[in-house]
């Protein structure tokens, strides 16, 4: 039963890291799209 809080904490940290990397990727993707399409600002 003592492993449950650790697993929850690990999954929370993993989801936080995934969310962070997804946001970073989205920002880079948006920058790339705005660079490749000069007409859009």
PDB file of N, CA and C in Angstrom:
ATOM      1  N   UNK A   1       0.823  -1.204   0.000  1.00  0.00           N
ATOM      2  CA  UNK A   1       0.000   0.000   0.000  1.00  0.00           C
ATOM      3  C   UNK A   1       0.866   1.267   0.000  1.00  0.00           C
ATOM      4  N   UNK A   2       2.139   1.083   0.418  1.00  0.00           N
ATOM      5  CA  UNK A   2       3.012   2.256   0.510  1.00  0.00           C
ATOM      6  C   UNK A   2       3.519   2.689  -0.867  1.00  0.00           C
ATOM      7  N   UNK A   3       3.328   1.831  -1.871  1.00  0.00           N
ATOM      8  CA  UNK A   3       3.827   2.172  -3.199  1.00  0.00           C
ATOM      9  C   UNK A   3       2.818   3.029  -3.959  1.00  0.00           C
ATOM     10  N   UNK A   4       1.578   3.049  -3.500  1.00  0.00           N
ATOM     11  CA  UNK A   4       0.552   3.796  -4.233  1.00  0.00           C
ATOM     12  C   UNK A   4       0.830   5.298  -4.295  1.00  0.00           C
ATOM     13  N   UNK A   5       1.129   5.954  -3.153  1.00  0.00           N
ATOM     14  CA  UNK A   5       1.397   7.398  -3.232  1.00  0.00           C
ATOM     15  C   UNK A   5       2.597   7.711  -4.119  1.00  0.00           C
ATOM     16  N   UNK A   6       3.610   6.845  -4.084  1.00  0.00           N
ATOM     17  CA  UNK A   6       4.786   7.070  -4.922  1.00  0.00           C
ATOM     18  C   UNK A   6       4.411   6.958  -6.397  1.00  0.00           C
ATOM     19  N   UNK A   7       3.597   5.974  -6.734  1.00  0.00           N
ATOM     20  CA  UNK A   7       3.179   5.818  -8.133  1.00  0.00           C
ATOM     21  C   UNK A   7       2.354   7.016  -8.577  1.00  0.00           C
ATOM     22  N   UNK A   8       1.445   7.469  -7.696  1.00  0.00           N
ATOM     23  CA  UNK A   8       0.628   8.634  -8.042  1.00  0.00           C
ATOM     24  C   UNK A   8       1.513   9.853  -8.248  1.00  0.00           C
ATOM     25  N   UNK A   9       2.489  10.012  -7.357  1.00  0.00           N
ATOM     26  CA  UNK A   9       3.386  11.161  -7.470  1.00  0.00           C
ATOM     27  C   UNK A   9       4.184  11.071  -8.767  1.00  0.00           C
ATOM     28  N   UNK A  10       4.643   9.866  -9.090  1.00  0.00           N
ATOM     29  CA  UNK A  10       5.429   9.686 -10.313  1.00  0.00           C
ATOM     30  C   UNK A  10       4.580   9.973 -11.549  1.00  0.00           C
ATOM     31  N   UNK A  11       3.343   9.486 -11.546  1.00  0.00           N
ATOM     32  CA  UNK A  11       2.480   9.709 -12.707  1.00  0.00           C
ATOM     33  C   UNK A  11       2.144  11.189 -12.834  1.00  0.00           C
ATOM     34  N   UNK A  12       1.968  11.860 -11.693  1.00  0.00           N
ATOM     35  CA  UNK A  12       1.703  13.302 -11.732  1.00  0.00           C
ATOM     36  C   UNK A  12       2.899  14.039 -12.315  1.00  0.00           C
ATOM     37  N   UNK A  13       4.089  13.679 -11.860  1.00  0.00           N
ATOM     38  CA  UNK A  13       5.297  14.329 -12.372  1.00  0.00           C
ATOM     39  C   UNK A  13       5.458  14.040 -13.862  1.00  0.00           C
ATOM     40  N   UNK A  14       5.147  12.810 -14.256  1.00  0.00           N
ATOM     41  CA  UNK A  14       5.269  12.448 -15.668  1.00  0.00           C
ATOM     42  C   UNK A  14       4.291  13.253 -16.520  1.00  0.00           C
ATOM     43  N   UNK A  15       3.042  13.365 -16.053  1.00  0.00           N
ATOM     44  CA  UNK A  15       2.048  14.119 -16.816  1.00  0.00           C
ATOM     45  C   UNK A  15       2.431  15.594 -16.876  1.00  0.00           C
ATOM     46  N   UNK A  16       3.001  16.111 -15.779  1.00  0.00           N
ATOM     47  CA  UNK A  16       3.445  17.508 -15.779  1.00  0.00           C
ATOM     48  C   UNK A  16       4.558  17.702 -16.796  1.00  0.00           C
ATOM     49  N   UNK A  17       5.506  16.766 -16.827  1.00  0.00           N
ATOM     50  CA  UNK A  17       6.609  16.868 -17.778  1.00  0.00           C
ATOM     51  C   UNK A  17       6.093  16.753 -19.209  1.00  0.00           C
ATOM     52  N   UNK A  18       5.139  15.850 -19.418  1.00  0.00           N
ATOM     53  CA  UNK A  18       4.563  15.679 -20.757  1.00  0.00           C
ATOM     54  C   UNK A  18       3.838  16.946 -21.182  1.00  0.00           C
ATOM     55  N   UNK A  19       3.056  17.520 -20.261  1.00  0.00           N
ATOM     56  CA  UNK A  19       2.343  18.761 -20.580  1.00  0.00           C
ATOM     57  C   UNK A  19       3.326  19.865 -20.936  1.00  0.00           C
ATOM     58  N   UNK A  20       4.425  19.931 -20.166  1.00  0.00           N
ATOM     59  CA  UNK A  20       5.419  20.975 -20.406  1.00  0.00           C
ATOM     60  C   UNK A  20       6.037  20.803 -21.786  1.00  0.00           C
ATOM     61  N   UNK A  21       6.396  19.561 -22.131  1.00  0.00           N
ATOM     62  CA  UNK A  21       7.032  19.319 -23.427  1.00  0.00           C
ATOM     63  C   UNK A  21       6.046  19.566 -24.563  1.00  0.00           C
ATOM     64  N   UNK A  22       4.772  19.241 -24.326  1.00  0.00           N
ATOM     65  CA  UNK A  22       3.750  19.481 -25.351  1.00  0.00           C
ATOM     66  C   UNK A  22       3.588  20.975 -25.580  1.00  0.00           C
ATOM     67  N   UNK A  23       3.563  21.755 -24.490  1.00  0.00           N
ATOM     68  CA  UNK A  23       3.420  23.207 -24.634  1.00  0.00           C
ATOM     69  C   UNK A  23       4.623  23.784 -25.357  1.00  0.00           C
ATOM     70  N   UNK A  24       5.817  23.285 -25.024  1.00  0.00           N
ATOM     71  CA  UNK A  24       7.026  23.769 -25.688  1.00  0.00           C
ATOM     72  C   UNK A  24       6.979  23.434 -27.171  1.00  0.00           C
ATOM     73  N   UNK A  25       6.525  22.212 -27.493  1.00  0.00           N
ATOM     74  CA  UNK A  25       6.434  21.806 -28.890  1.00  0.00           C
ATOM     75  C   UNK A  25       5.411  22.657 -29.626  1.00  0.00           C
ATOM     76  N   UNK A  26       4.262  22.939 -28.978  1.00  0.00           N
ATOM     77  CA  UNK A  26       3.235  23.765 -29.613  1.00  0.00           C
ATOM     78  C   UNK A  26       3.775  25.160 -29.901  1.00  0.00           C
ATOM     79  N   UNK A  27       4.502  25.736 -28.934  1.00  0.00           N
ATOM     80  CA  UNK A  27       5.063  27.072 -29.136  1.00  0.00           C
ATOM     81  C   UNK A  27       6.042  27.072 -30.297  1.00  0.00           C
ATOM     82  N   UNK A  28       6.926  26.066 -30.342  1.00  0.00           N
ATOM     83  CA  UNK A  28       7.898  25.985 -31.431  1.00  0.00           C
ATOM     84  C   UNK A  28       7.189  25.765 -32.764  1.00  0.00           C
ATOM     85  N   UNK A  29       6.121  24.955 -32.741  1.00  0.00           N
ATOM     86  CA  UNK A  29       5.383  24.681 -33.972  1.00  0.00           C
ATOM     87  C   UNK A  29       4.703  25.949 -34.474  1.00  0.00           C
ATOM     88  N   UNK A  30       4.117  26.713 -33.542  1.00  0.00           N
ATOM     89  CA  UNK A  30       3.456  27.967 -33.926  1.00  0.00           C
ATOM     90  C   UNK A  30       4.473  28.945 -34.501  1.00  0.00           C
ATOM     91  N   UNK A  31       5.651  29.020 -33.860  1.00  0.00           N
ATOM     92  CA  UNK A  31       6.695  29.907 -34.369  1.00  0.00           C
ATOM     93  C   UNK A  31       7.122  29.472 -35.769  1.00  0.00           C
ATOM     94  N   UNK A  32       7.280  28.165 -35.961  1.00  0.00           N
ATOM     95  CA  UNK A  32       7.697  27.650 -37.262  1.00  0.00           C
ATOM     96  C   UNK A  32       6.652  27.962 -38.325  1.00  0.00           C
ATOM     97  N   UNK A  33       5.367  27.793 -37.981  1.00  0.00           N
ATOM     98  CA  UNK A  33       4.295  28.067 -38.934  1.00  0.00           C
ATOM     99  C   UNK A  33       4.262  29.548 -39.282  1.00  0.00           C
ATOM    100  N   UNK A  34       4.442  30.413 -38.288  1.00  0.00           N
ATOM    101  CA  UNK A  34       4.403  31.856 -38.554  1.00  0.00           C
ATOM    102  C   UNK A  34       5.607  32.266 -39.397  1.00  0.00           C
ATOM    103  N   UNK A  35       6.724  31.545 -39.233  1.00  0.00           N
ATOM    104  CA  UNK A  35       7.917  31.857 -40.031  1.00  0.00           C
ATOM    105  C   UNK A  35       7.721  31.368 -41.470  1.00  0.00           C
ATOM    106  N   UNK A  36       7.133  30.183 -41.626  1.00  0.00           N
ATOM    107  CA  UNK A  36       6.975  29.617 -42.965  1.00  0.00           C
ATOM    108  C   UNK A  36       5.875  30.343 -43.737  1.00  0.00           C
ATOM    109  N   UNK A  37       4.936  30.977 -43.016  1.00  0.00           N
ATOM    110  CA  UNK A  37       3.873  31.737 -43.684  1.00  0.00           C
ATOM    111  C   UNK A  37       4.017  33.211 -43.304  1.00  0.00           C
ATOM    112  N   UNK A  38       4.729  33.995 -44.105  1.00  0.00           N
ATOM    113  CA  UNK A  38       4.967  35.398 -43.754  1.00  0.00           C
ATOM    114  C   UNK A  38       3.686  36.226 -43.778  1.00  0.00           C
ATOM    115  N   UNK A  39       2.692  35.802 -44.535  1.00  0.00           N
ATOM    116  CA  UNK A  39       1.450  36.562 -44.635  1.00  0.00           C
ATOM    117  C   UNK A  39       0.702  36.600 -43.313  1.00  0.00           C
ATOM    118  N   UNK A  40       0.822  35.516 -42.528  1.00  0.00           N
ATOM    119  CA  UNK A  40       0.127  35.467 -41.236  1.00  0.00           C
ATOM    120  C   UNK A  40       1.020  36.030 -40.141  1.00  0.00           C
ATOM    121  N   UNK A  41       0.408  36.785 -39.238  1.00  0.00           N
ATOM    122  CA  UNK A  41       1.178  37.389 -38.156  1.00  0.00           C
ATOM    123  C   UNK A  41       0.724  36.813 -36.827  1.00  0.00           C
TER     124      UNK A  41
END
